[in-house]
Amino acid sequence: MKKAILLGLLLVSFAGFSQELEIIEEKNNDEAIIVETLNSHVQNDSNKIYTSVEKMPEYPGGINAFRKFIAANYKTPKTNRDIKGTLIINFVVEPDGSVSDIKVVRDLGFGTGFEAVRILKLTDKWIPGVQNGRPVRVNYSLPININIQGNPPIINPEK
C-alpha cells in the first residue's frame, strides 16, 4: 500500500513538473513573440511619418532665414493678371534633414506651385524633428503668401 501511495505521489509530482515546464516554455514563447513584436515595431517606426513631434523640424537660421531664402530665390511668373493668395505645400523632413515627398496642396496657378517645389528642392538640409530623443520623419505643411501684381497689356491705339 505504501508503495502504491509513493508511486502515486511520484506520478503526480512528475505530472506537475512537466506542466510547469510547459508553462515555462509557453512563457518563453510569449516573451519571444513580444521581443519580436517590439523589434518589428522599432524597424517599422523608422518609416513612420509624424505630424507632430516633441521638437518640430526647423530651417537652419529659423523661419525668418527661410522667408529670406524664398524671397531671394522665388522667380515670379510673368503674367498680366494679379495673383494673390496662399499657396500650400506639404513635404517630409527626413531624419538626416533632407526634404522629400514634396506635394502642392493648394496651387494658385500660373506656375506658382512648380516654382515653390523648385525652391524647396534648393534648400539646405533642415534640422530634423525629434521624438523620444531621436530624429524622425516629420510631415511639414508650409503656407506661402503670394501677391503678384500683373503687368497690364500694352495697347497701341491705331493711328
C-alpha atoms as a PDB file:
ATOM      1  CA  MET A   1       0.000   0.000   0.000  1.00  0.00           C
ATOM      2  CA  LYS A   2       2.868   2.377   0.884  1.00  0.00           C
ATOM      3  CA  LYS A   3       4.459   1.635  -2.477  1.00  0.00           C
ATOM      4  CA  ALA A   4       1.225   2.475  -4.299  1.00  0.00           C
ATOM      5  CA  ILE A   5       0.874   5.783  -2.451  1.00  0.00           C
ATOM      6  CA  LEU A   6       4.529   6.602  -3.068  1.00  0.00           C
ATOM      7  CA  LEU A   7       4.193   5.700  -6.753  1.00  0.00           C
ATOM      8  CA  GLY A   8       1.044   7.835  -6.999  1.00  0.00           C
ATOM      9  CA  LEU A   9       2.775  10.817  -5.400  1.00  0.00           C
ATOM     10  CA  LEU A  10       5.744  10.366  -7.703  1.00  0.00           C
ATOM     11  CA  LEU A  11       3.491  10.317 -10.788  1.00  0.00           C
ATOM     12  CA  VAL A  12       1.604  13.394  -9.578  1.00  0.00           C
ATOM     13  CA  SER A  13       4.864  15.230  -8.937  1.00  0.00           C
ATOM     14  CA  PHE A  14       6.192  14.286 -12.405  1.00  0.00           C
ATOM     15  CA  ALA A  15       2.923  15.400 -13.977  1.00  0.00           C
ATOM     16  CA  GLY A  16       3.085  18.662 -12.045  1.00  0.00           C
ATOM     17  CA  PHE A  17       6.731  19.185 -13.065  1.00  0.00           C
ATOM     18  CA  SER A  18       6.013  18.550 -16.731  1.00  0.00           C
ATOM     19  CA  GLN A  19       3.116  21.020 -16.641  1.00  0.00           C
ATOM     20  CA  GLU A  20       5.392  23.580 -15.054  1.00  0.00           C
ATOM     21  CA  LEU A  21       7.887  23.046 -17.851  1.00  0.00           C
ATOM     22  CA  GLU A  22       5.161  23.557 -20.431  1.00  0.00           C
ATOM     23  CA  ILE A  23       4.148  26.798 -18.755  1.00  0.00           C
ATOM     24  CA  ILE A  24       7.758  27.980 -18.768  1.00  0.00           C
ATOM     25  CA  GLU A  25       8.072  27.083 -22.427  1.00  0.00           C
ATOM     26  CA  GLU A  26       4.867  28.999 -23.185  1.00  0.00           C
ATOM     27  CA  LYS A  27       6.183  31.997 -21.264  1.00  0.00           C
ATOM     28  CA  ASN A  28       9.406  31.854 -23.250  1.00  0.00           C
ATOM     29  CA  ASN A  29       7.437  31.702 -26.493  1.00  0.00           C
ATOM     30  CA  ASP A  30       5.322  34.679 -25.387  1.00  0.00           C
ATOM     31  CA  GLU A  31       8.454  36.597 -24.460  1.00  0.00           C
ATOM     32  CA  ALA A  32       9.977  35.731 -27.824  1.00  0.00           C
ATOM     33  CA  ILE A  33       6.825  36.958 -29.553  1.00  0.00           C
ATOM     34  CA  ILE A  34       6.859  40.160 -27.507  1.00  0.00           C
ATOM     35  CA  VAL A  35      10.543  40.761 -28.289  1.00  0.00           C
ATOM     36  CA  GLU A  36       9.919  40.057 -31.989  1.00  0.00           C
ATOM     37  CA  THR A  37       6.935  42.431 -31.973  1.00  0.00           C
ATOM     38  CA  LEU A  38       8.998  45.151 -30.289  1.00  0.00           C
ATOM     39  CA  ASN A  39      11.816  44.699 -32.796  1.00  0.00           C
ATOM     40  CA  SER A  40       9.442  44.890 -35.763  1.00  0.00           C
ATOM     41  CA  HIS A  41       7.788  47.967 -34.220  1.00  0.00           C
ATOM     42  CA  VAL A  42      11.168  49.703 -33.935  1.00  0.00           C
ATOM     43  CA  GLN A  43      12.009  48.789 -37.537  1.00  0.00           C
ATOM     44  CA  ASN A  44       8.626  49.986 -38.824  1.00  0.00           C
ATOM     45  CA  ASP A  45       8.861  53.082 -36.655  1.00  0.00           C
ATOM     46  CA  SER A  46      11.777  54.356 -38.756  1.00  0.00           C
ATOM     47  CA  ASN A  47       9.391  54.644 -41.728  1.00  0.00           C
ATOM     48  CA  LYS A  48       6.616  56.296 -39.735  1.00  0.00           C
ATOM     49  CA  ILE A  49       5.863  59.885 -40.699  1.00  0.00           C
ATOM     50  CA  TYR A  50       4.900  62.063 -37.754  1.00  0.00           C
ATOM     51  CA  THR A  51       2.693  65.126 -37.988  1.00  0.00           C
ATOM     52  CA  SER A  52       3.536  66.393 -34.520  1.00  0.00           C
ATOM     53  CA  VAL A  53       6.698  65.707 -32.534  1.00  0.00           C
ATOM     54  CA  GLU A  54       8.431  66.934 -29.395  1.00  0.00           C
ATOM     55  CA  LYS A  55      10.693  69.176 -31.479  1.00  0.00           C
ATOM     56  CA  MET A  56       9.461  70.145 -34.943  1.00  0.00           C
ATOM     57  CA  PRO A  57      11.858  70.421 -37.912  1.00  0.00           C
ATOM     58  CA  GLU A  58      13.420  73.811 -38.440  1.00  0.00           C
ATOM     59  CA  TYR A  59      15.151  75.530 -41.305  1.00  0.00           C
ATOM     60  CA  PRO A  60      18.745  76.473 -40.353  1.00  0.00           C
ATOM     61  CA  GLY A  61      18.582  80.005 -39.012  1.00  0.00           C
ATOM     62  CA  GLY A  62      14.854  79.789 -38.314  1.00  0.00           C
ATOM     63  CA  ILE A  63      11.702  80.763 -40.176  1.00  0.00           C
ATOM     64  CA  ASN A  64      12.931  84.289 -40.952  1.00  0.00           C
ATOM     65  CA  ALA A  65      16.010  82.888 -42.702  1.00  0.00           C
ATOM     66  CA  PHE A  66      13.700  80.590 -44.669  1.00  0.00           C
ATOM     67  CA  ARG A  67      11.480  83.519 -45.707  1.00  0.00           C
ATOM     68  CA  LYS A  68      14.546  85.443 -46.874  1.00  0.00           C
ATOM     69  CA  PHE A  69      15.707  82.395 -48.848  1.00  0.00           C
ATOM     70  CA  ILE A  70      12.330  82.117 -50.576  1.00  0.00           C
ATOM     71  CA  ALA A  71      12.166  85.847 -51.311  1.00  0.00           C
ATOM     72  CA  ALA A  72      15.674  85.828 -52.778  1.00  0.00           C
ATOM     73  CA  ASN A  73      15.167  82.759 -54.984  1.00  0.00           C
ATOM     74  CA  TYR A  74      11.481  82.751 -55.978  1.00  0.00           C
ATOM     75  CA  LYS A  75      11.014  83.605 -59.634  1.00  0.00           C
ATOM     76  CA  THR A  76       7.765  85.445 -60.154  1.00  0.00           C
ATOM     77  CA  PRO A  77       5.760  84.111 -63.087  1.00  0.00           C
ATOM     78  CA  LYS A  78       5.285  86.570 -65.931  1.00  0.00           C
ATOM     79  CA  THR A  79       1.618  87.265 -66.283  1.00  0.00           C
ATOM     80  CA  ASN A  80      -0.659  90.165 -66.953  1.00  0.00           C
ATOM     81  CA  ARG A  81      -3.009  89.006 -64.194  1.00  0.00           C
ATOM     82  CA  ASP A  82      -2.803  89.720 -60.485  1.00  0.00           C
ATOM     83  CA  ILE A  83      -2.132  86.591 -58.438  1.00  0.00           C
ATOM     84  CA  LYS A  84      -2.954  86.847 -54.771  1.00  0.00           C
ATOM     85  CA  GLY A  85      -3.489  84.069 -52.249  1.00  0.00           C
ATOM     86  CA  THR A  86      -1.886  81.378 -50.173  1.00  0.00           C
ATOM     87  CA  LEU A  87      -0.070  78.501 -51.823  1.00  0.00           C
ATOM     88  CA  ILE A  88       0.197  75.432 -49.566  1.00  0.00           C
ATOM     89  CA  ILE A  89       2.934  72.861 -49.967  1.00  0.00           C
ATOM     90  CA  ASN A  90       3.498  69.684 -47.933  1.00  0.00           C
ATOM     91  CA  PHE A  91       6.766  67.811 -47.616  1.00  0.00           C
ATOM     92  CA  VAL A  92       8.585  65.404 -45.334  1.00  0.00           C
ATOM     93  CA  VAL A  93      11.704  66.405 -43.427  1.00  0.00           C
ATOM     94  CA  GLU A  94      13.779  63.234 -43.167  1.00  0.00           C
ATOM     95  CA  PRO A  95      15.902  62.254 -40.125  1.00  0.00           C
ATOM     96  CA  ASP A  96      19.023  63.433 -41.991  1.00  0.00           C
ATOM     97  CA  GLY A  97      17.420  66.847 -42.636  1.00  0.00           C
ATOM     98  CA  SER A  98      16.758  66.317 -46.337  1.00  0.00           C
ATOM     99  CA  VAL A  99      13.382  67.165 -47.852  1.00  0.00           C
ATOM    100  CA  SER A 100      11.301  64.538 -49.674  1.00  0.00           C
ATOM    101  CA  ASP A 101       7.773  63.733 -50.832  1.00  0.00           C
ATOM    102  CA  ILE A 102       7.009  67.331 -51.892  1.00  0.00           C
ATOM    103  CA  LYS A 103       3.355  67.927 -52.838  1.00  0.00           C
ATOM    104  CA  VAL A 104       1.476  71.075 -53.720  1.00  0.00           C
ATOM    105  CA  VAL A 105      -1.791  71.031 -51.786  1.00  0.00           C
ATOM    106  CA  ARG A 106      -3.142  74.383 -52.989  1.00  0.00           C
ATOM    107  CA  ASP A 107      -1.787  75.881 -56.185  1.00  0.00           C
ATOM    108  CA  LEU A 108      -2.626  79.386 -57.369  1.00  0.00           C
ATOM    109  CA  GLY A 109      -1.824  78.518 -60.967  1.00  0.00           C
ATOM    110  CA  PHE A 110       0.497  80.258 -63.428  1.00  0.00           C
ATOM    111  CA  GLY A 111       3.419  78.055 -62.295  1.00  0.00           C
ATOM    112  CA  THR A 112       3.365  79.178 -58.664  1.00  0.00           C
ATOM    113  CA  GLY A 113       3.249  75.595 -57.332  1.00  0.00           C
ATOM    114  CA  PHE A 114       6.003  74.417 -59.660  1.00  0.00           C
ATOM    115  CA  GLU A 115       8.205  77.307 -58.522  1.00  0.00           C
ATOM    116  CA  ALA A 116       7.565  76.541 -54.836  1.00  0.00           C
ATOM    117  CA  VAL A 117       8.649  72.911 -55.392  1.00  0.00           C
ATOM    118  CA  ARG A 118      11.759  74.100 -57.237  1.00  0.00           C
ATOM    119  CA  ILE A 119      12.702  76.437 -54.376  1.00  0.00           C
ATOM    120  CA  LEU A 120      12.115  73.778 -51.726  1.00  0.00           C
ATOM    121  CA  LYS A 121      14.462  71.406 -53.549  1.00  0.00           C
ATOM    122  CA  LEU A 122      17.183  74.097 -53.403  1.00  0.00           C
ATOM    123  CA  THR A 123      17.073  74.485 -49.619  1.00  0.00           C
ATOM    124  CA  ASP A 124      19.885  73.392 -47.354  1.00  0.00           C
ATOM    125  CA  LYS A 125      19.256  70.436 -45.088  1.00  0.00           C
ATOM    126  CA  TRP A 126      16.808  71.188 -42.313  1.00  0.00           C
ATOM    127  CA  ILE A 127      17.297  70.497 -38.622  1.00  0.00           C
ATOM    128  CA  PRO A 128      15.205  67.320 -38.309  1.00  0.00           C
ATOM    129  CA  GLY A 129      12.268  66.820 -35.976  1.00  0.00           C
ATOM    130  CA  VAL A 130      12.912  64.867 -32.776  1.00  0.00           C
ATOM    131  CA  GLN A 131      10.692  62.347 -30.996  1.00  0.00           C
ATOM    132  CA  ASN A 132      11.825  60.357 -27.937  1.00  0.00           C
ATOM    133  CA  GLY A 133      15.328  61.778 -28.287  1.00  0.00           C
ATOM    134  CA  ARG A 134      15.944  60.666 -31.865  1.00  0.00           C
ATOM    135  CA  PRO A 135      15.461  62.301 -35.277  1.00  0.00           C
ATOM    136  CA  VAL A 136      12.336  61.129 -37.114  1.00  0.00           C
ATOM    137  CA  ARG A 137      10.449  61.749 -40.364  1.00  0.00           C
ATOM    138  CA  VAL A 138       8.037  64.660 -39.995  1.00  0.00           C
ATOM    139  CA  ASN A 139       5.327  65.868 -42.364  1.00  0.00           C
ATOM    140  CA  TYR A 140       5.554  69.641 -42.696  1.00  0.00           C
ATOM    141  CA  SER A 141       2.924  71.933 -44.183  1.00  0.00           C
ATOM    142  CA  LEU A 142       4.102  75.291 -45.449  1.00  0.00           C
ATOM    143  CA  PRO A 143       1.791  78.145 -46.443  1.00  0.00           C
ATOM    144  CA  ILE A 144       3.353  80.685 -48.811  1.00  0.00           C
ATOM    145  CA  ASN A 145       1.578  84.002 -49.260  1.00  0.00           C
ATOM    146  CA  ILE A 146       1.806  85.276 -52.813  1.00  0.00           C
ATOM    147  CA  ASN A 147       0.912  88.724 -54.027  1.00  0.00           C
ATOM    148  CA  ILE A 148       1.946  89.303 -57.648  1.00  0.00           C
ATOM    149  CA  GLN A 149       0.933  92.441 -59.478  1.00  0.00           C
ATOM    150  CA  GLY A 150       0.431  91.552 -63.115  1.00  0.00           C
ATOM    151  CA  ASN A 151       1.683  93.778 -65.904  1.00  0.00           C
ATOM    152  CA  PRO A 152      -1.245  95.151 -67.848  1.00  0.00           C
ATOM    153  CA  PRO A 153      -1.002  94.522 -71.582  1.00  0.00           C
ATOM    154  CA  ILE A 154       0.273  97.421 -73.677  1.00  0.00           C
ATOM    155  CA  ILE A 155      -2.388  98.607 -76.021  1.00  0.00           C
ATOM    156  CA  ASN A 156      -1.248 100.532 -79.097  1.00  0.00           C
ATOM    157  CA  PRO A 157      -4.052 102.667 -80.395  1.00  0.00           C
ATOM    158  CA  GLU A 158      -4.245 102.654 -84.186  1.00  0.00           C
ATOM    159  CA  LYS A 159      -3.366 105.883 -85.891  1.00  0.00           C
END
